[in-house]
Structure formats: structure tokens, C-alpha cells
Protein backbone atom coordinates (compact mmCIF):
# COMPACT_ATOMS: atom_id res chain seq x y z
CA MET A 1 0.00 0.00 0.00
CA ALA A 2 2.91 2.38 0.64
CA ASN A 3 3.96 2.09 -3.01
CA THR A 4 0.46 3.11 -4.18
CA GLU A 5 0.15 6.26 -2.06
CA GLY A 6 -1.81 8.93 -3.90
CA GLU A 7 -2.94 6.57 -6.68
CA LEU A 8 -6.52 5.67 -5.81
CA HIS A 9 -7.05 3.09 -8.57
CA LEU A 10 -3.96 1.11 -7.49
CA GLN A 11 -5.10 1.20 -3.87
CA ALA A 12 -8.50 -0.14 -4.99
CA VAL A 13 -6.75 -3.04 -6.75
CA VAL A 14 -4.78 -3.90 -3.60
CA VAL A 15 -7.91 -3.73 -1.40
CA GLY A 16 -9.84 -5.81 -3.95
CA ALA A 17 -7.11 -8.46 -3.99
CA MET A 18 -7.17 -8.57 -0.18
CA LEU A 19 -10.96 -9.03 -0.18
CA VAL A 20 -10.74 -11.84 -2.76
CA MET A 21 -8.13 -13.62 -0.62
CA MET A 22 -10.33 -13.23 2.46
CA VAL A 23 -13.29 -14.81 0.65
CA VAL A 24 -11.13 -17.66 -0.69
CA THR A 25 -9.79 -18.27 2.83
CA LEU A 26 -13.33 -18.28 4.28
CA ILE A 27 -14.49 -20.82 1.66
CA ALA A 28 -11.45 -23.01 2.35
CA LEU A 29 -12.16 -22.94 6.09
CA LEU A 30 -15.84 -23.76 5.59
CA LEU A 31 -14.95 -26.70 3.33
CA ALA A 32 -11.99 -27.87 5.44
CA THR A 33 -13.54 -31.22 6.37
CA GLN A 34 -14.36 -32.07 2.75
CA ILE A 35 -10.93 -30.92 1.55
CA ASN A 36 -9.32 -33.06 4.25
CA ARG A 37 -11.27 -36.14 3.14
CA ILE A 38 -10.29 -35.58 -0.49
CA LEU A 39 -6.59 -34.99 0.20
CA GLY A 40 -6.18 -37.55 2.97
CA VAL A 41 -3.39 -37.60 5.52
CA THR A 42 -0.58 -37.78 2.96
CA GLY A 43 -2.00 -34.93 0.89
CA MET A 44 -2.33 -32.75 3.98
CA HIS A 45 1.28 -33.50 4.97
CA VAL A 46 2.50 -32.57 1.48
CA ILE A 47 0.54 -29.31 1.49
CA SER A 48 1.80 -28.46 5.00
CA ARG A 49 5.39 -28.95 3.89
CA VAL A 50 4.93 -26.95 0.68
CA PHE A 51 3.38 -24.04 2.58
CA GLY A 52 6.16 -24.30 5.18
CA VAL A 53 8.77 -23.93 2.44
CA LEU A 54 6.87 -20.97 0.94
CA LEU A 55 6.61 -19.29 4.35
CA THR A 56 10.33 -19.82 4.95
CA ALA A 57 11.16 -18.36 1.54
CA LEU A 58 9.03 -15.28 2.29
CA ALA A 59 10.70 -14.84 5.67
CA VAL A 60 14.18 -15.08 4.16
CA GLN A 61 13.20 -12.60 1.46
CA PHE A 62 11.94 -10.12 4.09
CA ILE A 63 15.22 -10.47 5.99
CA PHE A 64 17.32 -9.86 2.87
CA ASP A 65 15.12 -6.91 1.86
CA GLY A 66 15.59 -5.41 5.33
CA ILE A 67 19.37 -5.83 5.15
CA ALA A 68 19.46 -4.30 1.65
CA ARG A 69 17.30 -1.33 2.70
CA ALA A 70 19.47 -0.73 5.75
CA GLY A 71 22.22 0.22 3.34
CA CYS A 72 25.97 -0.22 3.39
CA TRP A 73 26.31 1.71 6.66
CA ALA A 74 24.38 -0.97 8.54
CA ALA A 75 26.28 -3.79 6.86
CA GLU A 76 29.63 -2.16 7.68
CA HIS A 77 28.93 -0.88 11.19
CA LEU A 78 26.59 -3.54 12.55
CA ASN A 79 28.37 -6.50 10.89
CA LEU A 80 25.03 -7.95 9.78
CA ILE A 81 26.58 -10.37 7.31
CA GLU A 82 29.56 -11.55 9.35
CA PRO A 83 30.03 -15.32 8.88
CA ARG A 84 30.54 -15.99 12.60
CA GLN A 85 27.16 -14.42 13.44
CA MET A 86 25.49 -16.31 10.60
CA LYS A 87 26.81 -19.56 12.08
CA LYS A 88 25.23 -18.62 15.42
CA ILE A 89 21.90 -17.91 13.76
CA ILE A 90 22.00 -21.24 11.92
CA ILE A 91 22.88 -23.14 15.11
CA ILE A 92 20.08 -21.44 17.07
CA THR A 93 17.61 -22.24 14.27
CA LEU A 94 18.69 -25.90 14.23
CA LEU A 95 18.40 -26.14 18.03
CA PHE A 96 14.91 -24.62 17.88
CA ALA A 97 13.88 -27.12 15.17
CA ALA A 98 15.31 -29.97 17.27
CA MET A 99 13.33 -28.79 20.31
CA LEU A 100 10.11 -28.80 18.30
CA ASN A 101 10.78 -32.33 17.04
CA VAL A 102 12.35 -33.88 20.14
CA GLY A 103 9.54 -36.44 20.40
CA LYS A 104 10.18 -37.68 16.87
CA VAL A 105 13.91 -37.91 17.50
CA VAL A 106 13.43 -39.82 20.76
CA ASP A 107 10.90 -42.18 19.13
CA TYR A 108 13.32 -42.83 16.28
CA PHE A 109 16.27 -43.76 18.51
CA THR A 110 14.34 -45.56 21.26
CA PRO A 111 14.08 -49.27 20.51
CA LEU A 112 10.60 -50.70 20.74
CA PRO A 113 10.01 -53.56 23.16
CA ASP A 114 9.20 -56.96 21.71
CA ILE A 115 5.48 -56.90 22.54
CA ALA A 116 3.83 -58.46 19.54
CA LEU A 117 5.05 -62.00 20.15
CA SER A 118 1.71 -62.88 21.72
CA ASP A 119 -1.51 -61.99 19.92
CA ASN A 120 -3.51 -61.67 23.14
CA HIS A 121 -3.79 -57.89 22.92
CA GLU A 122 -7.21 -56.37 22.55
CA VAL A 123 -6.69 -52.92 21.04
CA VAL A 124 -9.49 -50.59 19.93
CA MET A 125 -8.88 -47.06 18.66
CA TYR A 126 -11.54 -44.39 18.26
CA GLY A 127 -10.23 -41.64 16.03
CA THR A 128 -10.62 -39.64 12.82
CA SER A 129 -8.96 -39.79 9.42
CA TRP A 130 -7.35 -36.36 9.78
CA CYS A 131 -6.00 -36.71 13.34
CA SER A 132 -2.19 -36.59 13.40
CA TYR A 133 -2.02 -38.30 16.80
CA CYS A 134 -4.23 -41.10 15.45
CA ALA A 135 -1.71 -41.48 12.62
CA LYS A 136 1.09 -41.72 15.22
CA ALA A 137 -0.83 -44.42 17.10
CA ARG A 138 -1.42 -46.36 13.85
CA LYS A 139 2.27 -46.12 13.00
CA LEU A 140 3.27 -47.32 16.48
CA PHE A 141 0.89 -50.30 16.32
CA ASP A 142 2.17 -51.17 12.85
CA ARG A 143 5.81 -50.96 14.00
CA LEU A 144 5.00 -53.19 16.96
CA GLY A 145 3.00 -55.61 14.84
CA VAL A 146 -0.02 -55.20 17.10
CA ALA A 147 -3.41 -55.85 15.51
CA TYR A 148 -6.01 -53.24 16.34
CA ILE A 149 -9.57 -52.31 15.48
CA GLU A 150 -10.15 -48.71 14.47
CA TYR A 151 -13.45 -46.85 14.48
CA ASP A 152 -13.81 -43.46 12.78
CA ILE A 153 -16.07 -41.41 15.03
CA GLU A 154 -16.95 -39.01 12.21
CA LYS A 155 -18.14 -41.72 9.83
CA SER A 156 -19.94 -44.08 12.19
CA GLU A 157 -22.74 -43.06 14.55
CA GLN A 158 -22.33 -46.29 16.51
CA ALA A 159 -18.60 -45.57 16.98
CA ARG A 160 -19.42 -42.02 18.05
CA GLY A 161 -21.89 -43.38 20.62
CA GLU A 162 -19.29 -45.79 22.05
CA TYR A 163 -16.71 -42.98 22.10
CA ASP A 164 -19.10 -40.70 24.02
CA ALA A 165 -20.03 -43.52 26.42
CA LEU A 166 -16.33 -43.99 27.23
CA GLY A 167 -16.05 -40.26 28.02
CA GLY A 168 -14.06 -39.37 24.92
CA ARG A 169 -12.95 -35.75 24.67
CA GLY A 170 -10.16 -35.97 22.10
CA THR A 171 -8.63 -38.34 19.62
CA PRO A 172 -7.34 -40.92 19.65
CA LEU A 173 -9.22 -42.67 22.41
CA LEU A 174 -7.58 -46.06 22.94
CA VAL A 175 -8.84 -49.11 24.78
CA ILE A 176 -5.91 -51.47 25.25
CA ASN A 177 -6.53 -54.64 27.22
CA LYS A 178 -9.41 -52.82 29.02
CA THR A 179 -7.15 -49.84 29.84
CA LEU A 180 -8.51 -46.50 28.63
CA ILE A 181 -5.95 -44.06 27.19
CA SER A 182 -7.06 -40.61 26.04
CA GLY A 183 -4.73 -39.09 23.46
CA TYR A 184 -1.42 -40.34 22.11
CA ASP A 185 0.80 -41.27 25.05
CA ARG A 186 3.55 -43.59 23.83
CA LYS A 187 4.64 -44.66 27.33
CA ALA A 188 1.07 -45.41 28.44
CA ILE A 189 0.40 -47.37 25.25
CA LEU A 190 3.54 -49.48 25.69
CA ALA A 191 2.72 -50.06 29.37
CA ALA A 192 -0.84 -51.16 28.53
CA LEU A 193 0.47 -53.61 25.93
CA LYS A 194 2.82 -55.37 28.39
């Protein structure tokens, strides 16, 4: 908008584009459940990653634009582009990313106990197709070789009734060997399977 100051027709174009994007966003939010069903878990993961890359690219561009607009004085006197400082920024960014994904890293390096040797486990999962924690539970059961029955509480009224009767408030709701586990809790799941 600052570049269109004093030019009313250009300001109208910018405002019009903003309104169109607001309407498109509203429609996408209203149709989120249907879009999720069409794309599935994998499609949603792909779109999340693509938008993450786009957001990162925009952020980097804003940073470079800010450095360029600061002029040579800032680059010379504030040492904005000094390699040692850039290394610090990269290390801090990597540490922040590691903190956000510490659960995934721990799960990857923690060996799973040998639980699935006996098929005496009774495992029922109440969840939804779009739930990321349900996907984690599925992946854990598959890695362990544990058979489970899954009910989608959005697609089955009977499953929704059972879920409500069990006091479900979030997904996944797991019943493992008559032990009720609300949410994805890896330690509790492994303990219930022993």
C-alpha cells in the first residue's frame, strides 16, 4: 500500500485483492472437512510442507530486503553479514527445530520392546482420518506388529456413541486390554500392551 500512495485506482486493486483472498480463505475454512477427506493424511502433509517452504522463503526474502534497505552503513557498522554471526543464527535455528521435534527424534532412537510375540492384545482405537495423533498411534501399532480395530467417530454413529459412552474428549481414544488411554501417550500405550 505504501507504493500506491496517492494513486486511488492502485489502492483499490490492492484492497480488492485482499478481499478476494479473504473470501477464498473463508471458503477453504468452511470446506476444510471435505478438503481433508479428499486430500487424505498424505496430501495434507504434502501441502503443510509446501506451505512451510513458501513461508520460509518469504521470511528469508523479508530479511534480505531489510538488510538491503538498511544500506551499506548498517552492513559495515553492525556486521550484519559476518560469517561468525550467521553460524550462530543457523545453530540457534537448528536447536529450535530440534526442540520442536524432540519427540520424533526420541521415538526414532528408542528401541521398541518386543510386545507383539503374543496376539492376546485387545486394542481398539476411536479416532478420525485427519487426526495426526491417530496417525502416530497407527504407525506405532504397525511398528509393533499389534493388531487393532479402528473406528472413525466421524463416519460411524455407533462408533461415536461408544466414544461418548467412554467419556471421549479428544482423539485418539484407545482401549488397550481394558485400559482406557485418552490421546497419544507412547509410554502409556507401551505399558498397557505389556
